[in-house]
């Protein structure tokens, strides 16, 4: 007997446009968003530093900064699981879009 049941993706995973409101809901706490902002800032500065100085070994800090601040915020402040576990690529994009939205004042810092 064959299983003909198809697994539909969650509606919020259908596109990044659909995912982003879900992502923002997972970051409702202002302190969580601030820690994401710090982590994303450190990622940007670390990548720029590595590229401009040629010290590529410093890129080892990128996942530490990017995930360290975010995961701390989720586990201890927001008290939820990081969206990275549900949709890693959309979550990464969401970090940078939320960073930009906070930078331009679209989302409260």
PDB file of N, CA and C in Angstrom:
ATOM      1  N   UNK A   1       0.847  -1.174   0.000  1.00  0.00           N
ATOM      2  CA  UNK A   1       0.000   0.000   0.000  1.00  0.00           C
ATOM      3  C   UNK A   1       0.894   1.240   0.000  1.00  0.00           C
ATOM      4  N   UNK A   2       0.627   2.177  -0.880  1.00  0.00           N
ATOM      5  CA  UNK A   2       1.431   3.391  -0.968  1.00  0.00           C
ATOM      6  C   UNK A   2       0.733   4.527  -0.246  1.00  0.00           C
ATOM      7  N   UNK A   3       1.532   5.393   0.258  1.00  0.00           N
ATOM      8  CA  UNK A   3       1.017   6.554   0.955  1.00  0.00           C
ATOM      9  C   UNK A   3       0.927   7.699  -0.044  1.00  0.00           C
ATOM     10  N   UNK A   4      -0.259   8.189  -0.303  1.00  0.00           N
ATOM     11  CA  UNK A   4      -0.453   9.265  -1.269  1.00  0.00           C
ATOM     12  C   UNK A   4      -0.642  10.614  -0.599  1.00  0.00           C
ATOM     13  N   UNK A   5      -0.451  10.669   0.694  1.00  0.00           N
ATOM     14  CA  UNK A   5      -0.611  11.927   1.420  1.00  0.00           C
ATOM     15  C   UNK A   5       0.579  12.818   1.115  1.00  0.00           C
ATOM     16  N   UNK A   6       0.305  14.013   0.621  1.00  0.00           N
ATOM     17  CA  UNK A   6       1.393  14.959   0.374  1.00  0.00           C
ATOM     18  C   UNK A   6       1.523  15.881   1.587  1.00  0.00           C
ATOM     19  N   UNK A   7       2.722  16.272   1.845  1.00  0.00           N
ATOM     20  CA  UNK A   7       2.982  17.166   2.972  1.00  0.00           C
ATOM     21  C   UNK A   7       3.036  18.591   2.445  1.00  0.00           C
ATOM     22  N   UNK A   8       2.091  19.393   2.856  1.00  0.00           N
ATOM     23  CA  UNK A   8       2.048  20.794   2.443  1.00  0.00           C
ATOM     24  C   UNK A   8       2.948  21.606   3.361  1.00  0.00           C
ATOM     25  N   UNK A   9       3.746  22.529   2.815  1.00  0.00           N
ATOM     26  CA  UNK A   9       4.549  23.380   3.686  1.00  0.00           C
ATOM     27  C   UNK A   9       3.652  24.332   4.480  1.00  0.00           C
ATOM     28  N   UNK A  10       4.121  24.724   5.636  1.00  0.00           N
ATOM     29  CA  UNK A  10       3.372  25.693   6.440  1.00  0.00           C
ATOM     30  C   UNK A  10       3.178  26.956   5.604  1.00  0.00           C
ATOM     31  N   UNK A  11       2.018  27.619   5.719  1.00  0.00           N
ATOM     32  CA  UNK A  11       1.754  28.798   4.890  1.00  0.00           C
ATOM     33  C   UNK A  11       2.829  29.872   5.010  1.00  0.00           C
ATOM     34  N   UNK A  12       3.392  30.041   6.211  1.00  0.00           N
ATOM     35  CA  UNK A  12       4.398  31.085   6.383  1.00  0.00           C
ATOM     36  C   UNK A  12       5.730  30.723   5.726  1.00  0.00           C
ATOM     37  N   UNK A  13       5.870  29.495   5.229  1.00  0.00           N
ATOM     38  CA  UNK A  13       7.109  29.105   4.551  1.00  0.00           C
ATOM     39  C   UNK A  13       6.972  29.147   3.030  1.00  0.00           C
ATOM     40  N   UNK A  14       5.814  29.555   2.537  1.00  0.00           N
ATOM     41  CA  UNK A  14       5.580  29.570   1.104  1.00  0.00           C
ATOM     42  C   UNK A  14       6.470  30.575   0.373  1.00  0.00           C
ATOM     43  N   UNK A  15       6.795  31.674   1.019  1.00  0.00           N
ATOM     44  CA  UNK A  15       7.662  32.703   0.435  1.00  0.00           C
ATOM     45  C   UNK A  15       8.242  33.537   1.569  1.00  0.00           C
ATOM     46  N   UNK A  16       9.282  34.293   1.262  1.00  0.00           N
ATOM     47  CA  UNK A  16       9.842  35.152   2.302  1.00  0.00           C
ATOM     48  C   UNK A  16       8.828  36.217   2.711  1.00  0.00           C
ATOM     49  N   UNK A  17       8.065  36.722   1.748  1.00  0.00           N
ATOM     50  CA  UNK A  17       7.046  37.725   2.053  1.00  0.00           C
ATOM     51  C   UNK A  17       6.032  37.184   3.062  1.00  0.00           C
ATOM     52  N   UNK A  18       5.669  35.916   2.929  1.00  0.00           N
ATOM     53  CA  UNK A  18       4.748  35.285   3.877  1.00  0.00           C
ATOM     54  C   UNK A  18       5.443  34.963   5.194  1.00  0.00           C
ATOM     55  N   UNK A  19       6.740  34.658   5.140  1.00  0.00           N
ATOM     56  CA  UNK A  19       7.496  34.274   6.322  1.00  0.00           C
ATOM     57  C   UNK A  19       7.795  35.463   7.242  1.00  0.00           C
ATOM     58  N   UNK A  20       8.081  36.630   6.664  1.00  0.00           N
ATOM     59  CA  UNK A  20       8.563  37.763   7.458  1.00  0.00           C
ATOM     60  C   UNK A  20       7.607  38.175   8.585  1.00  0.00           C
ATOM     61  N   UNK A  21       6.292  38.257   8.374  1.00  0.00           N
ATOM     62  CA  UNK A  21       5.412  38.569   9.523  1.00  0.00           C
ATOM     63  C   UNK A  21       5.512  37.524  10.641  1.00  0.00           C
ATOM     64  N   UNK A  22       5.625  36.243  10.275  1.00  0.00           N
ATOM     65  CA  UNK A  22       5.844  35.195  11.275  1.00  0.00           C
ATOM     66  C   UNK A  22       7.152  35.461  12.017  1.00  0.00           C
ATOM     67  N   UNK A  23       8.201  35.785  11.263  1.00  0.00           N
ATOM     68  CA  UNK A  23       9.516  36.058  11.844  1.00  0.00           C
ATOM     69  C   UNK A  23       9.434  37.219  12.847  1.00  0.00           C
ATOM     70  N   UNK A  24       8.755  38.269  12.462  1.00  0.00           N
ATOM     71  CA  UNK A  24       8.619  39.414  13.376  1.00  0.00           C
ATOM     72  C   UNK A  24       7.844  39.026  14.636  1.00  0.00           C
ATOM     73  N   UNK A  25       6.853  38.164  14.497  1.00  0.00           N
ATOM     74  CA  UNK A  25       6.106  37.691  15.660  1.00  0.00           C
ATOM     75  C   UNK A  25       6.967  36.905  16.633  1.00  0.00           C
ATOM     76  N   UNK A  26       7.996  36.242  16.103  1.00  0.00           N
ATOM     77  CA  UNK A  26       8.934  35.502  16.943  1.00  0.00           C
ATOM     78  C   UNK A  26       9.933  36.441  17.632  1.00  0.00           C
ATOM     79  N   UNK A  27       9.878  37.726  17.291  1.00  0.00           N
ATOM     80  CA  UNK A  27      10.787  38.733  17.844  1.00  0.00           C
ATOM     81  C   UNK A  27       9.986  39.892  18.434  1.00  0.00           C
ATOM     82  N   UNK A  28       8.947  39.555  19.158  1.00  0.00           N
ATOM     83  CA  UNK A  28       8.054  40.577  19.725  1.00  0.00           C
ATOM     84  C   UNK A  28       8.712  41.361  20.854  1.00  0.00           C
ATOM     85  N   UNK A  29       9.608  40.731  21.575  1.00  0.00           N
ATOM     86  CA  UNK A  29      10.261  41.374  22.712  1.00  0.00           C
ATOM     87  C   UNK A  29      11.354  42.314  22.211  1.00  0.00           C
ATOM     88  N   UNK A  30      11.301  43.540  22.672  1.00  0.00           N
ATOM     89  CA  UNK A  30      12.257  44.568  22.232  1.00  0.00           C
ATOM     90  C   UNK A  30      13.704  44.185  22.566  1.00  0.00           C
ATOM     91  N   UNK A  31      13.932  43.574  23.714  1.00  0.00           N
ATOM     92  CA  UNK A  31      15.293  43.166  24.097  1.00  0.00           C
ATOM     93  C   UNK A  31      15.815  42.094  23.143  1.00  0.00           C
ATOM     94  N   UNK A  32      14.933  41.219  22.697  1.00  0.00           N
ATOM     95  CA  UNK A  32      15.316  40.187  21.725  1.00  0.00           C
ATOM     96  C   UNK A  32      15.769  40.851  20.427  1.00  0.00           C
ATOM     97  N   UNK A  33      14.976  41.803  19.945  1.00  0.00           N
ATOM     98  CA  UNK A  33      15.340  42.507  18.704  1.00  0.00           C
ATOM     99  C   UNK A  33      16.650  43.256  18.871  1.00  0.00           C
ATOM    100  N   UNK A  34      16.866  43.842  20.018  1.00  0.00           N
ATOM    101  CA  UNK A  34      18.121  44.582  20.249  1.00  0.00           C
ATOM    102  C   UNK A  34      19.332  43.658  20.220  1.00  0.00           C
ATOM    103  N   UNK A  35      19.200  42.486  20.823  1.00  0.00           N
ATOM    104  CA  UNK A  35      20.324  41.543  20.784  1.00  0.00           C
ATOM    105  C   UNK A  35      20.565  41.046  19.363  1.00  0.00           C
ATOM    106  N   UNK A  36      19.510  40.846  18.591  1.00  0.00           N
ATOM    107  CA  UNK A  36      19.683  40.509  17.175  1.00  0.00           C
ATOM    108  C   UNK A  36      20.423  41.629  16.451  1.00  0.00           C
ATOM    109  N   UNK A  37      20.059  42.861  16.748  1.00  0.00           N
ATOM    110  CA  UNK A  37      20.691  44.012  16.103  1.00  0.00           C
ATOM    111  C   UNK A  37      22.186  44.047  16.425  1.00  0.00           C
ATOM    112  N   UNK A  38      22.540  43.805  17.676  1.00  0.00           N
ATOM    113  CA  UNK A  38      23.958  43.779  18.074  1.00  0.00           C
ATOM    114  C   UNK A  38      24.687  42.660  17.332  1.00  0.00           C
ATOM    115  N   UNK A  39      24.098  41.465  17.331  1.00  0.00           N
ATOM    116  CA  UNK A  39      24.729  40.329  16.666  1.00  0.00           C
ATOM    117  C   UNK A  39      24.905  40.567  15.175  1.00  0.00           C
ATOM    118  N   UNK A  40      23.882  41.089  14.522  1.00  0.00           N
ATOM    119  CA  UNK A  40      23.969  41.356  13.080  1.00  0.00           C
ATOM    120  C   UNK A  40      24.980  42.455  12.794  1.00  0.00           C
ATOM    121  N   UNK A  41      25.039  43.470  13.654  1.00  0.00           N
ATOM    122  CA  UNK A  41      26.054  44.526  13.496  1.00  0.00           C
ATOM    123  C   UNK A  41      27.457  43.938  13.585  1.00  0.00           C
ATOM    124  N   UNK A  42      27.678  43.075  14.562  1.00  0.00           N
ATOM    125  CA  UNK A  42      28.992  42.449  14.710  1.00  0.00           C
ATOM    126  C   UNK A  42      29.331  41.564  13.509  1.00  0.00           C
ATOM    127  N   UNK A  43      28.341  40.889  12.962  1.00  0.00           N
ATOM    128  CA  UNK A  43      28.564  40.080  11.759  1.00  0.00           C
ATOM    129  C   UNK A  43      29.015  40.979  10.606  1.00  0.00           C
ATOM    130  N   UNK A  44      28.308  42.070  10.388  1.00  0.00           N
ATOM    131  CA  UNK A  44      28.641  42.989   9.295  1.00  0.00           C
ATOM    132  C   UNK A  44      30.035  43.568   9.486  1.00  0.00           C
ATOM    133  N   UNK A  45      30.342  44.020  10.696  1.00  0.00           N
ATOM    134  CA  UNK A  45      31.658  44.601  10.959  1.00  0.00           C
ATOM    135  C   UNK A  45      32.772  43.564  10.820  1.00  0.00           C
ATOM    136  N   UNK A  46      32.508  42.338  11.250  1.00  0.00           N
ATOM    137  CA  UNK A  46      33.524  41.283  11.164  1.00  0.00           C
ATOM    138  C   UNK A  46      33.810  40.927   9.709  1.00  0.00           C
ATOM    139  N   UNK A  47      32.765  40.798   8.909  1.00  0.00           N
ATOM    140  CA  UNK A  47      32.961  40.494   7.484  1.00  0.00           C
ATOM    141  C   UNK A  47      33.714  41.641   6.807  1.00  0.00           C
ATOM    142  N   UNK A  48      33.330  42.876   7.093  1.00  0.00           N
ATOM    143  CA  UNK A  48      34.023  44.031   6.514  1.00  0.00           C
ATOM    144  C   UNK A  48      35.490  44.051   6.947  1.00  0.00           C
ATOM    145  N   UNK A  49      35.738  43.803   8.221  1.00  0.00           N
ATOM    146  CA  UNK A  49      37.111  43.769   8.738  1.00  0.00           C
ATOM    147  C   UNK A  49      37.935  42.717   8.005  1.00  0.00           C
ATOM    148  N   UNK A  50      37.379  41.528   7.862  1.00  0.00           N
ATOM    149  CA  UNK A  50      38.102  40.442   7.184  1.00  0.00           C
ATOM    150  C   UNK A  50      38.417  40.811   5.740  1.00  0.00           C
ATOM    151  N   UNK A  51      37.449  41.400   5.058  1.00  0.00           N
ATOM    152  CA  UNK A  51      37.654  41.751   3.651  1.00  0.00           C
ATOM    153  C   UNK A  51      38.666  42.880   3.465  1.00  0.00           C
ATOM    154  N   UNK A  52      38.616  43.877   4.345  1.00  0.00           N
ATOM    155  CA  UNK A  52      39.502  45.024   4.187  1.00  0.00           C
ATOM    156  C   UNK A  52      40.916  44.788   4.703  1.00  0.00           C
ATOM    157  N   UNK A  53      41.066  43.878   5.663  1.00  0.00           N
ATOM    158  CA  UNK A  53      42.407  43.630   6.223  1.00  0.00           C
ATOM    159  C   UNK A  53      43.036  42.349   5.701  1.00  0.00           C
ATOM    160  N   UNK A  54      42.231  41.496   5.092  1.00  0.00           N
ATOM    161  CA  UNK A  54      42.740  40.212   4.632  1.00  0.00           C
ATOM    162  C   UNK A  54      42.896  39.194   5.753  1.00  0.00           C
ATOM    163  N   UNK A  55      42.392  39.499   6.924  1.00  0.00           N
ATOM    164  CA  UNK A  55      42.457  38.577   8.071  1.00  0.00           C
ATOM    165  C   UNK A  55      41.211  37.701   8.075  1.00  0.00           C
ATOM    166  N   UNK A  56      41.212  36.759   7.162  1.00  0.00           N
ATOM    167  CA  UNK A  56      40.034  35.919   6.938  1.00  0.00           C
ATOM    168  C   UNK A  56      39.756  34.956   8.086  1.00  0.00           C
ATOM    169  N   UNK A  57      40.746  34.707   8.912  1.00  0.00           N
ATOM    170  CA  UNK A  57      40.523  33.831  10.063  1.00  0.00           C
ATOM    171  C   UNK A  57      39.486  34.433  11.020  1.00  0.00           C
ATOM    172  N   UNK A  58      39.333  35.755  10.982  1.00  0.00           N
ATOM    173  CA  UNK A  58      38.347  36.402  11.860  1.00  0.00           C
ATOM    174  C   UNK A  58      36.912  36.020  11.472  1.00  0.00           C
ATOM    175  N   UNK A  59      36.728  35.468  10.280  1.00  0.00           N
ATOM    176  CA  UNK A  59      35.389  35.048   9.857  1.00  0.00           C
ATOM    177  C   UNK A  59      34.842  33.914  10.725  1.00  0.00           C
ATOM    178  N   UNK A  60      35.723  33.248  11.472  1.00  0.00           N
ATOM    179  CA  UNK A  60      35.254  32.211  12.400  1.00  0.00           C
ATOM    180  C   UNK A  60      34.331  32.800  13.468  1.00  0.00           C
ATOM    181  N   UNK A  61      34.429  34.110  13.693  1.00  0.00           N
ATOM    182  CA  UNK A  61      33.580  34.760  14.694  1.00  0.00           C
ATOM    183  C   UNK A  61      32.155  35.028  14.182  1.00  0.00           C
ATOM    184  N   UNK A  62      31.961  34.995  12.872  1.00  0.00           N
ATOM    185  CA  UNK A  62      30.655  35.343  12.297  1.00  0.00           C
ATOM    186  C   UNK A  62      29.528  34.477  12.860  1.00  0.00           C
ATOM    187  N   UNK A  63      29.631  33.141  12.840  1.00  0.00           N
ATOM    188  CA  UNK A  63      28.519  32.363  13.412  1.00  0.00           C
ATOM    189  C   UNK A  63      28.365  32.566  14.920  1.00  0.00           C
ATOM    190  N   UNK A  64      29.467  32.777  15.599  1.00  0.00           N
ATOM    191  CA  UNK A  64      29.399  33.023  17.039  1.00  0.00           C
ATOM    192  C   UNK A  64      28.602  34.295  17.323  1.00  0.00           C
ATOM    193  N   UNK A  65      28.929  35.362  16.607  1.00  0.00           N
ATOM    194  CA  UNK A  65      28.203  36.624  16.805  1.00  0.00           C
ATOM    195  C   UNK A  65      26.760  36.518  16.315  1.00  0.00           C
ATOM    196  N   UNK A  66      26.583  35.983  15.125  1.00  0.00           N
ATOM    197  CA  UNK A  66      25.250  35.921  14.531  1.00  0.00           C
ATOM    198  C   UNK A  66      24.300  35.052  15.314  1.00  0.00           C
ATOM    199  N   UNK A  67      24.729  33.844  15.635  1.00  0.00           N
ATOM    200  CA  UNK A  67      23.843  32.927  16.351  1.00  0.00           C
ATOM    201  C   UNK A  67      23.898  33.124  17.867  1.00  0.00           C
ATOM    202  N   UNK A  68      25.046  33.479  18.388  1.00  0.00           N
ATOM    203  CA  UNK A  68      25.197  33.620  19.840  1.00  0.00           C
ATOM    204  C   UNK A  68      24.230  34.618  20.444  1.00  0.00           C
ATOM    205  N   UNK A  69      24.216  35.827  19.906  1.00  0.00           N
ATOM    206  CA  UNK A  69      23.325  36.861  20.438  1.00  0.00           C
ATOM    207  C   UNK A  69      21.857  36.500  20.192  1.00  0.00           C
ATOM    208  N   UNK A  70      21.568  35.992  18.998  1.00  0.00           N
ATOM    209  CA  UNK A  70      20.183  35.673  18.647  1.00  0.00           C
ATOM    210  C   UNK A  70      19.641  34.526  19.488  1.00  0.00           C
ATOM    211  N   UNK A  71      20.409  33.460  19.595  1.00  0.00           N
ATOM    212  CA  UNK A  71      19.916  32.298  20.334  1.00  0.00           C
ATOM    213  C   UNK A  71      19.804  32.588  21.828  1.00  0.00           C
ATOM    214  N   UNK A  72      20.715  33.362  22.371  1.00  0.00           N
ATOM    215  CA  UNK A  72      20.584  33.768  23.771  1.00  0.00           C
ATOM    216  C   UNK A  72      19.258  34.518  23.955  1.00  0.00           C
ATOM    217  N   UNK A  73      18.983  35.444  23.033  1.00  0.00           N
ATOM    218  CA  UNK A  73      17.761  36.242  23.120  1.00  0.00           C
ATOM    219  C   UNK A  73      16.515  35.365  23.060  1.00  0.00           C
ATOM    220  N   UNK A  74      16.535  34.355  22.210  1.00  0.00           N
ATOM    221  CA  UNK A  74      15.354  33.497  22.085  1.00  0.00           C
ATOM    222  C   UNK A  74      15.178  32.582  23.295  1.00  0.00           C
ATOM    223  N   UNK A  75      16.240  31.952  23.718  1.00  0.00           N
ATOM    224  CA  UNK A  75      16.120  30.986  24.809  1.00  0.00           C
ATOM    225  C   UNK A  75      15.866  31.640  26.165  1.00  0.00           C
ATOM    226  N   UNK A  76      16.456  32.813  26.410  1.00  0.00           N
ATOM    227  CA  UNK A  76      16.382  33.407  27.751  1.00  0.00           C
ATOM    228  C   UNK A  76      15.498  34.640  27.855  1.00  0.00           C
ATOM    229  N   UNK A  77      15.201  35.292  26.742  1.00  0.00           N
ATOM    230  CA  UNK A  77      14.371  36.504  26.794  1.00  0.00           C
ATOM    231  C   UNK A  77      13.010  36.255  26.151  1.00  0.00           C
ATOM    232  N   UNK A  78      13.028  35.877  24.887  1.00  0.00           N
ATOM    233  CA  UNK A  78      11.776  35.654  24.150  1.00  0.00           C
ATOM    234  C   UNK A  78      11.108  34.340  24.569  1.00  0.00           C
ATOM    235  N   UNK A  79      11.924  33.392  25.040  1.00  0.00           N
ATOM    236  CA  UNK A  79      11.448  32.080  25.505  1.00  0.00           C
ATOM    237  C   UNK A  79      10.744  31.300  24.379  1.00  0.00           C
ATOM    238  N   UNK A  80      11.370  31.306  23.210  1.00  0.00           N
ATOM    239  CA  UNK A  80      10.874  30.510  22.095  1.00  0.00           C
ATOM    240  C   UNK A  80      12.071  29.923  21.346  1.00  0.00           C
ATOM    241  N   UNK A  81      11.787  29.053  20.391  1.00  0.00           N
ATOM    242  CA  UNK A  81      12.859  28.461  19.590  1.00  0.00           C
ATOM    243  C   UNK A  81      13.186  29.393  18.443  1.00  0.00           C
ATOM    244  N   UNK A  82      14.463  29.585  18.147  1.00  0.00           N
ATOM    245  CA  UNK A  82      14.833  30.454  17.027  1.00  0.00           C
ATOM    246  C   UNK A  82      14.199  29.980  15.718  1.00  0.00           C
ATOM    247  N   UNK A  83      13.809  30.921  14.895  1.00  0.00           N
ATOM    248  CA  UNK A  83      13.213  30.607  13.594  1.00  0.00           C
ATOM    249  C   UNK A  83      14.208  29.875  12.691  1.00  0.00           C
ATOM    250  N   UNK A  84      15.485  29.954  13.019  1.00  0.00           N
ATOM    251  CA  UNK A  84      16.519  29.242  12.259  1.00  0.00           C
ATOM    252  C   UNK A  84      16.211  27.754  12.184  1.00  0.00           C
ATOM    253  N   UNK A  85      15.626  27.200  13.237  1.00  0.00           N
ATOM    254  CA  UNK A  85      15.326  25.770  13.266  1.00  0.00           C
ATOM    255  C   UNK A  85      14.165  25.411  12.333  1.00  0.00           C
ATOM    256  N   UNK A  86      13.321  26.391  12.016  1.00  0.00           N
ATOM    257  CA  UNK A  86      12.158  26.141  11.168  1.00  0.00           C
ATOM    258  C   UNK A  86      12.458  26.433   9.695  1.00  0.00           C
ATOM    259  N   UNK A  87      13.184  27.509   9.455  1.00  0.00           N
ATOM    260  CA  UNK A  87      13.475  27.950   8.081  1.00  0.00           C
ATOM    261  C   UNK A  87      14.811  28.685   8.076  1.00  0.00           C
ATOM    262  N   UNK A  88      15.925  27.974   7.971  1.00  0.00           N
ATOM    263  CA  UNK A  88      17.235  28.608   8.131  1.00  0.00           C
ATOM    264  C   UNK A  88      17.544  29.731   7.140  1.00  0.00           C
ATOM    265  N   UNK A  89      17.189  29.573   5.883  1.00  0.00           N
ATOM    266  CA  UNK A  89      17.532  30.605   4.903  1.00  0.00           C
ATOM    267  C   UNK A  89      16.628  31.825   5.026  1.00  0.00           C
ATOM    268  N   UNK A  90      15.329  31.599   5.221  1.00  0.00           N
ATOM    269  CA  UNK A  90      14.419  32.716   5.448  1.00  0.00           C
ATOM    270  C   UNK A  90      14.775  33.441   6.741  1.00  0.00           C
ATOM    271  N   UNK A  91      15.193  32.691   7.738  1.00  0.00           N
ATOM    272  CA  UNK A  91      15.563  33.297   9.018  1.00  0.00           C
ATOM    273  C   UNK A  91      16.785  34.195   8.865  1.00  0.00           C
ATOM    274  N   UNK A  92      17.769  33.725   8.127  1.00  0.00           N
ATOM    275  CA  UNK A  92      18.963  34.543   7.877  1.00  0.00           C
ATOM    276  C   UNK A  92      18.581  35.824   7.146  1.00  0.00           C
ATOM    277  N   UNK A  93      17.753  35.698   6.120  1.00  0.00           N
ATOM    278  CA  UNK A  93      17.284  36.881   5.401  1.00  0.00           C
ATOM    279  C   UNK A  93      16.486  37.782   6.340  1.00  0.00           C
ATOM    280  N   UNK A  94      15.655  37.174   7.193  1.00  0.00           N
ATOM    281  CA  UNK A  94      14.862  37.941   8.145  1.00  0.00           C
ATOM    282  C   UNK A  94      15.713  38.752   9.095  1.00  0.00           C
ATOM    283  N   UNK A  95      16.847  38.198   9.525  1.00  0.00           N
ATOM    284  CA  UNK A  95      17.755  38.945  10.398  1.00  0.00           C
ATOM    285  C   UNK A  95      18.192  40.256   9.748  1.00  0.00           C
ATOM    286  N   UNK A  96      18.576  40.165   8.475  1.00  0.00           N
ATOM    287  CA  UNK A  96      19.076  41.360   7.793  1.00  0.00           C
ATOM    288  C   UNK A  96      17.956  42.335   7.445  1.00  0.00           C
ATOM    289  N   UNK A  97      16.778  41.832   7.099  1.00  0.00           N
ATOM    290  CA  UNK A  97      15.650  42.722   6.819  1.00  0.00           C
ATOM    291  C   UNK A  97      15.200  43.402   8.110  1.00  0.00           C
ATOM    292  N   UNK A  98      15.127  42.654   9.220  1.00  0.00           N
ATOM    293  CA  UNK A  98      14.752  43.259  10.499  1.00  0.00           C
ATOM    294  C   UNK A  98      15.798  44.279  10.926  1.00  0.00           C
ATOM    295  N   UNK A  99      17.083  43.986  10.713  1.00  0.00           N
ATOM    296  CA  UNK A  99      18.164  44.929  11.009  1.00  0.00           C
ATOM    297  C   UNK A  99      17.926  46.236  10.256  1.00  0.00           C
ATOM    298  N   UNK A 100      17.652  46.116   8.943  1.00  0.00           N
ATOM    299  CA  UNK A 100      17.401  47.296   8.122  1.00  0.00           C
ATOM    300  C   UNK A 100      16.158  48.037   8.605  1.00  0.00           C
ATOM    301  N   UNK A 101      15.093  47.290   8.905  1.00  0.00           N
ATOM    302  CA  UNK A 101      13.855  47.913   9.368  1.00  0.00           C
ATOM    303  C   UNK A 101      14.050  48.628  10.703  1.00  0.00           C
ATOM    304  N   UNK A 102      14.885  48.087  11.567  1.00  0.00           N
ATOM    305  CA  UNK A 102      15.184  48.767  12.830  1.00  0.00           C
ATOM    306  C   UNK A 102      16.040  50.009  12.574  1.00  0.00           C
ATOM    307  N   UNK A 103      16.980  49.889  11.664  1.00  0.00           N
ATOM    308  CA  UNK A 103      17.879  50.991  11.343  1.00  0.00           C
ATOM    309  C   UNK A 103      17.127  52.196  10.782  1.00  0.00           C
ATOM    310  N   UNK A 104      16.123  51.937   9.959  1.00  0.00           N
ATOM    311  CA  UNK A 104      15.374  53.050   9.346  1.00  0.00           C
ATOM    312  C   UNK A 104      14.146  53.460  10.167  1.00  0.00           C
ATOM    313  N   UNK A 105      13.914  52.783  11.291  1.00  0.00           N
ATOM    314  CA  UNK A 105      12.826  53.169  12.183  1.00  0.00           C
ATOM    315  C   UNK A 105      11.483  52.550  11.870  1.00  0.00           C
ATOM    316  N   UNK A 106      11.423  51.599  10.963  1.00  0.00           N
ATOM    317  CA  UNK A 106      10.169  50.921  10.632  1.00  0.00           C
ATOM    318  C   UNK A 106       9.732  49.999  11.783  1.00  0.00           C
ATOM    319  N   UNK A 107      10.702  49.450  12.495  1.00  0.00           N
ATOM    320  CA  UNK A 107      10.438  48.593  13.658  1.00  0.00           C
ATOM    321  C   UNK A 107      11.105  49.265  14.856  1.00  0.00           C
ATOM    322  N   UNK A 108      10.389  49.366  15.982  1.00  0.00           N
ATOM    323  CA  UNK A 108      10.991  50.010  17.162  1.00  0.00           C
ATOM    324  C   UNK A 108      12.245  49.305  17.635  1.00  0.00           C
ATOM    325  N   UNK A 109      13.249  50.100  17.920  1.00  0.00           N
ATOM    326  CA  UNK A 109      14.513  49.585  18.450  1.00  0.00           C
ATOM    327  C   UNK A 109      14.308  49.451  19.929  1.00  0.00           C
TER     328      UNK A 109
END
